[in-house]
PDB file of all heavy atoms in Angstrom:
ATOM      1  N   ALA A   1     145.182 120.793  93.970  1.00  0.00           N
ATOM      2  CA  ALA A   1     144.375 121.140  95.137  1.00  0.00           C
ATOM      3  C   ALA A   1     144.647 120.178  96.279  1.00  0.00           C
ATOM      4  O   ALA A   1     144.664 120.575  97.456  1.00  0.00           O
ATOM      5  CB  ALA A   1     142.890 121.133  94.773  1.00  0.00           C
ATOM      6  N   GLY A   2     144.878 118.902  95.947  1.00  0.00           N
ATOM      7  CA  GLY A   2     145.213 117.932  96.980  1.00  0.00           C
ATOM      8  C   GLY A   2     146.521 118.246  97.675  1.00  0.00           C
ATOM      9  O   GLY A   2     146.670 118.029  98.880  1.00  0.00           O
ATOM     10  N   ALA A   3     147.481 118.798  96.939  1.00  0.00           N
ATOM     11  CA  ALA A   3     148.755 119.199  97.544  1.00  0.00           C
ATOM     12  C   ALA A   3     148.575 120.421  98.433  1.00  0.00           C
ATOM     13  O   ALA A   3     149.177 120.521  99.505  1.00  0.00           O
ATOM     14  CB  ALA A   3     149.779 119.490  96.448  1.00  0.00           C
ATOM     15  N   THR A   4     147.751 121.370  97.996  1.00  0.00           N
ATOM     16  CA  THR A   4     147.457 122.526  98.840  1.00  0.00           C
ATOM     17  C   THR A   4     146.767 122.075 100.118  1.00  0.00           C
ATOM     18  O   THR A   4     147.027 122.612 101.208  1.00  0.00           O
ATOM     19  CB  THR A   4     146.593 123.533  98.072  1.00  0.00           C
ATOM     20  OG1 THR A   4     147.326 124.002  96.930  1.00  0.00           O
ATOM     21  CG2 THR A   4     146.223 124.723  98.937  1.00  0.00           C
ATOM     22  N   LEU A   5     145.894 121.081 100.018  1.00  0.00           N
ATOM     23  CA  LEU A   5     145.256 120.536 101.207  1.00  0.00           C
ATOM     24  C   LEU A   5     146.261 119.846 102.117  1.00  0.00           C
ATOM     25  O   LEU A   5     146.163 119.948 103.348  1.00  0.00           O
ATOM     26  CB  LEU A   5     144.142 119.574 100.800  1.00  0.00           C
ATOM     27  CG  LEU A   5     142.893 120.260 100.244  1.00  0.00           C
ATOM     28  CD1 LEU A   5     142.000 119.256  99.524  1.00  0.00           C
ATOM     29  CD2 LEU A   5     142.117 120.948 101.357  1.00  0.00           C
ATOM     30  N   VAL A   6     147.245 119.151 101.546  1.00  0.00           N
ATOM     31  CA  VAL A   6     148.305 118.575 102.373  1.00  0.00           C
ATOM     32  C   VAL A   6     149.040 119.683 103.123  1.00  0.00           C
ATOM     33  O   VAL A   6     149.354 119.544 104.313  1.00  0.00           O
ATOM     34  CB  VAL A   6     149.277 117.742 101.518  1.00  0.00           C
ATOM     35  CG1 VAL A   6     150.501 117.331 102.332  1.00  0.00           C
ATOM     36  CG2 VAL A   6     148.576 116.503 100.973  1.00  0.00           C
ATOM     37  N   SER A   7     149.285 120.817 102.450  1.00  0.00           N
ATOM     38  CA  SER A   7     149.901 121.960 103.143  1.00  0.00           C
ATOM     39  C   SER A   7     149.028 122.405 104.308  1.00  0.00           C
ATOM     40  O   SER A   7     149.535 122.740 105.387  1.00  0.00           O
ATOM     41  CB  SER A   7     150.079 123.126 102.162  1.00  0.00           C
ATOM     42  OG  SER A   7     150.881 122.766 101.064  1.00  0.00           O
ATOM     43  N   GLY A   8     147.703 122.425 104.081  1.00  0.00           N
ATOM     44  CA  GLY A   8     146.794 122.792 105.152  1.00  0.00           C
ATOM     45  C   GLY A   8     146.807 121.804 106.295  1.00  0.00           C
ATOM     46  O   GLY A   8     146.731 122.193 107.473  1.00  0.00           O
ATOM     47  N   VAL A   9     146.910 120.507 105.982  1.00  0.00           N
ATOM     48  CA  VAL A   9     146.980 119.506 107.039  1.00  0.00           C
ATOM     49  C   VAL A   9     148.264 119.668 107.849  1.00  0.00           C
ATOM     50  O   VAL A   9     148.269 119.504 109.077  1.00  0.00           O
ATOM     51  CB  VAL A   9     146.869 118.088 106.447  1.00  0.00           C
ATOM     52  CG1 VAL A   9     147.076 117.031 107.532  1.00  0.00           C
ATOM     53  CG2 VAL A   9     145.509 117.887 105.786  1.00  0.00           C
ATOM     54  N   LEU A  10     149.365 120.009 107.170  1.00  0.00           N
ATOM     55  CA  LEU A  10     150.613 120.274 107.892  1.00  0.00           C
ATOM     56  C   LEU A  10     150.421 121.338 108.966  1.00  0.00           C
ATOM     57  O   LEU A  10     151.032 121.271 110.038  1.00  0.00           O
ATOM     58  CB  LEU A  10     151.701 120.743 106.919  1.00  0.00           C
ATOM     59  CG  LEU A  10     152.421 119.708 106.081  1.00  0.00           C
ATOM     60  CD1 LEU A  10     153.267 120.387 105.010  1.00  0.00           C
ATOM     61  CD2 LEU A  10     153.294 118.807 106.941  1.00  0.00           C
ATOM     62  N   ALA A  11     149.567 122.315 108.679  1.00  0.00           N
ATOM     63  CA  ALA A  11     149.346 123.440 109.590  1.00  0.00           C
ATOM     64  C   ALA A  11     148.222 123.196 110.580  1.00  0.00           C
ATOM     65  O   ALA A  11     147.903 124.082 111.379  1.00  0.00           O
ATOM     66  CB  ALA A  11     149.048 124.702 108.775  1.00  0.00           C
ATOM     67  N   THR A  12     147.606 122.006 110.546  1.00  0.00           N
ATOM     68  CA  THR A  12     146.450 121.717 111.392  1.00  0.00           C
ATOM     69  C   THR A  12     146.877 120.963 112.647  1.00  0.00           C
ATOM     70  O   THR A  12     147.333 119.815 112.557  1.00  0.00           O
ATOM     71  CB  THR A  12     145.421 120.863 110.608  1.00  0.00           C
ATOM     72  OG1 THR A  12     145.012 121.582 109.439  1.00  0.00           O
ATOM     73  CG2 THR A  12     144.213 120.541 111.465  1.00  0.00           C
ATOM     74  N   PRO A  13     146.722 121.566 113.831  1.00  0.00           N
ATOM     75  CA  PRO A  13     147.165 120.883 115.059  1.00  0.00           C
ATOM     76  C   PRO A  13     146.495 119.525 115.273  1.00  0.00           C
ATOM     77  O   PRO A  13     147.127 118.596 115.776  1.00  0.00           O
ATOM     78  CB  PRO A  13     146.774 121.879 116.159  1.00  0.00           C
ATOM     79  CG  PRO A  13     146.747 123.211 115.483  1.00  0.00           C
ATOM     80  CD  PRO A  13     146.254 122.939 114.089  1.00  0.00           C
ATOM     81  N   ASP A  14     145.222 119.384 114.868  1.00  0.00           N
ATOM     82  CA  ASP A  14     144.503 118.122 115.113  1.00  0.00           C
ATOM     83  C   ASP A  14     145.077 116.951 114.325  1.00  0.00           C
ATOM     84  O   ASP A  14     144.732 115.799 114.606  1.00  0.00           O
ATOM     85  CB  ASP A  14     143.021 118.280 114.750  1.00  0.00           C
ATOM     86  CG  ASP A  14     142.271 119.163 115.739  1.00  0.00           C
ATOM     87  OD1 ASP A  14     142.841 119.447 116.805  1.00  0.00           O
ATOM     88  OD2 ASP A  14     141.135 119.560 115.436  1.00  0.00           O
ATOM     89  N   SER A  15     145.929 117.234 113.341  1.00  0.00           N
ATOM     90  CA  SER A  15     146.507 116.150 112.546  1.00  0.00           C
ATOM     91  C   SER A  15     147.810 115.619 113.134  1.00  0.00           C
ATOM     92  O   SER A  15     148.356 114.630 112.625  1.00  0.00           O
ATOM     93  CB  SER A  15     146.768 116.635 111.124  1.00  0.00           C
ATOM     94  OG  SER A  15     147.834 117.582 111.091  1.00  0.00           O
ATOM     95  N   SER A  16     148.296 116.226 114.177  1.00  0.00           N
ATOM     96  CA  SER A  16     149.589 115.823 114.744  1.00  0.00           C
ATOM     97  C   SER A  16     149.560 114.354 115.164  1.00  0.00           C
ATOM     98  O   SER A  16     148.640 113.890 115.835  1.00  0.00           O
ATOM     99  CB  SER A  16     149.916 116.700 115.960  1.00  0.00           C
ATOM    100  OG  SER A  16     151.140 116.318 116.539  1.00  0.00           O
ATOM    101  N   GLY A  17     150.577 113.619 114.728  1.00  0.00           N
ATOM    102  CA  GLY A  17     150.696 112.211 115.061  1.00  0.00           C
ATOM    103  C   GLY A  17     149.977 111.275 114.119  1.00  0.00           C
ATOM    104  O   GLY A  17     150.159 110.058 114.205  1.00  0.00           O
ATOM    105  N   LEU A  18     149.153 111.817 113.210  1.00  0.00           N
ATOM    106  CA  LEU A  18     148.397 110.971 112.289  1.00  0.00           C
ATOM    107  C   LEU A  18     149.174 110.672 111.005  1.00  0.00           C
ATOM    108  O   LEU A  18     148.784 109.793 110.252  1.00  0.00           O
ATOM    109  CB  LEU A  18     147.057 111.622 111.943  1.00  0.00           C
ATOM    110  CG  LEU A  18     146.087 111.822 113.104  1.00  0.00           C
ATOM    111  CD1 LEU A  18     144.804 112.481 112.607  1.00  0.00           C
ATOM    112  CD2 LEU A  18     145.778 110.496 113.800  1.00  0.00           C
ATOM    113  N   PHE A  19     150.236 111.427 110.738  1.00  0.00           N
ATOM    114  CA  PHE A  19     151.101 111.143 109.593  1.00  0.00           C
ATOM    115  C   PHE A  19     152.517 111.554 109.963  1.00  0.00           C
ATOM    116  O   PHE A  19     152.731 112.357 110.869  1.00  0.00           O
ATOM    117  CB  PHE A  19     150.615 111.854 108.329  1.00  0.00           C
ATOM    118  CG  PHE A  19     150.717 113.360 108.385  1.00  0.00           C
ATOM    119  CD1 PHE A  19     151.729 114.020 107.703  1.00  0.00           C
ATOM    120  CD2 PHE A  19     149.808 114.100 109.104  1.00  0.00           C
ATOM    121  CE1 PHE A  19     151.824 115.400 107.755  1.00  0.00           C
ATOM    122  CE2 PHE A  19     149.897 115.481 109.161  1.00  0.00           C
ATOM    123  CZ  PHE A  19     150.904 116.137 108.491  1.00  0.00           C
ATOM    124  N   HIS A  20     153.486 111.011 109.237  1.00  0.00           N
ATOM    125  CA  HIS A  20     154.884 111.135 109.666  1.00  0.00           C
ATOM    126  C   HIS A  20     155.804 111.655 108.581  1.00  0.00           C
ATOM    127  O   HIS A  20     156.973 111.940 108.829  1.00  0.00           O
ATOM    128  CB  HIS A  20     155.362 109.763 110.165  1.00  0.00           C
ATOM    129  CG  HIS A  20     154.385 109.144 111.126  1.00  0.00           C
ATOM    130  ND1 HIS A  20     153.362 108.324 110.709  1.00  0.00           N
ATOM    131  CD2 HIS A  20     154.231 109.305 112.461  1.00  0.00           C
ATOM    132  CE1 HIS A  20     152.632 107.969 111.760  1.00  0.00           C
ATOM    133  NE2 HIS A  20     153.136 108.543 112.830  1.00  0.00           N
ATOM    134  N   ARG A  21     155.297 111.796 107.354  1.00  0.00           N
ATOM    135  CA  ARG A  21     155.989 112.442 106.250  1.00  0.00           C
ATOM    136  C   ARG A  21     154.927 113.041 105.346  1.00  0.00           C
ATOM    137  O   ARG A  21     153.755 112.654 105.392  1.00  0.00           O
ATOM    138  CB  ARG A  21     156.838 111.451 105.454  1.00  0.00           C
ATOM    139  CG  ARG A  21     157.530 110.373 106.282  1.00  0.00           C
ATOM    140  CD  ARG A  21     158.511 109.578 105.450  1.00  0.00           C
ATOM    141  NE  ARG A  21     158.765 108.258 106.004  1.00  0.00           N
ATOM    142  CZ  ARG A  21     159.451 108.015 107.109  1.00  0.00           C
ATOM    143  NH1 ARG A  21     159.949 109.017 107.801  1.00  0.00           N
ATOM    144  NH2 ARG A  21     159.646 106.780 107.540  1.00  0.00           N
ATOM    145  N   ALA A  22     155.341 113.985 104.502  1.00  0.00           N
ATOM    146  CA  ALA A  22     154.382 114.624 103.597  1.00  0.00           C
ATOM    147  C   ALA A  22     155.036 114.896 102.249  1.00  0.00           C
ATOM    148  O   ALA A  22     156.236 115.182 102.178  1.00  0.00           O
ATOM    149  CB  ALA A  22     153.855 115.931 104.197  1.00  0.00           C
ATOM    150  N   ILE A  23     154.230 114.798 101.193  1.00  0.00           N
ATOM    151  CA  ILE A  23     154.676 115.112  99.834  1.00  0.00           C
ATOM    152  C   ILE A  23     153.679 116.084  99.229  1.00  0.00           C
ATOM    153  O   ILE A  23     152.461 115.831  99.240  1.00  0.00           O
ATOM    154  CB  ILE A  23     154.776 113.855  98.946  1.00  0.00           C
ATOM    155  CG1 ILE A  23     155.698 112.807  99.580  1.00  0.00           C
ATOM    156  CG2 ILE A  23     155.277 114.233  97.550  1.00  0.00           C
ATOM    157  CD1 ILE A  23     155.752 111.492  98.824  1.00  0.00           C
ATOM    158  N   VAL A  24     154.188 117.202  98.708  1.00  0.00           N
ATOM    159  CA  VAL A  24     153.358 118.252  98.117  1.00  0.00           C
ATOM    160  C   VAL A  24     153.749 118.379  96.646  1.00  0.00           C
ATOM    161  O   VAL A  24     154.809 118.897  96.315  1.00  0.00           O
ATOM    162  CB  VAL A  24     153.555 119.587  98.867  1.00  0.00           C
ATOM    163  CG1 VAL A  24     152.812 120.721  98.181  1.00  0.00           C
ATOM    164  CG2 VAL A  24     153.088 119.456 100.316  1.00  0.00           C
TER     165      VAL A  24
END
């Protein structure tokens, strides 16, 4: 579920600039 949430954060405009790589 945490990985699915990371996928959701990838798609969230408000998260732009708050992280620079992602692992799912």
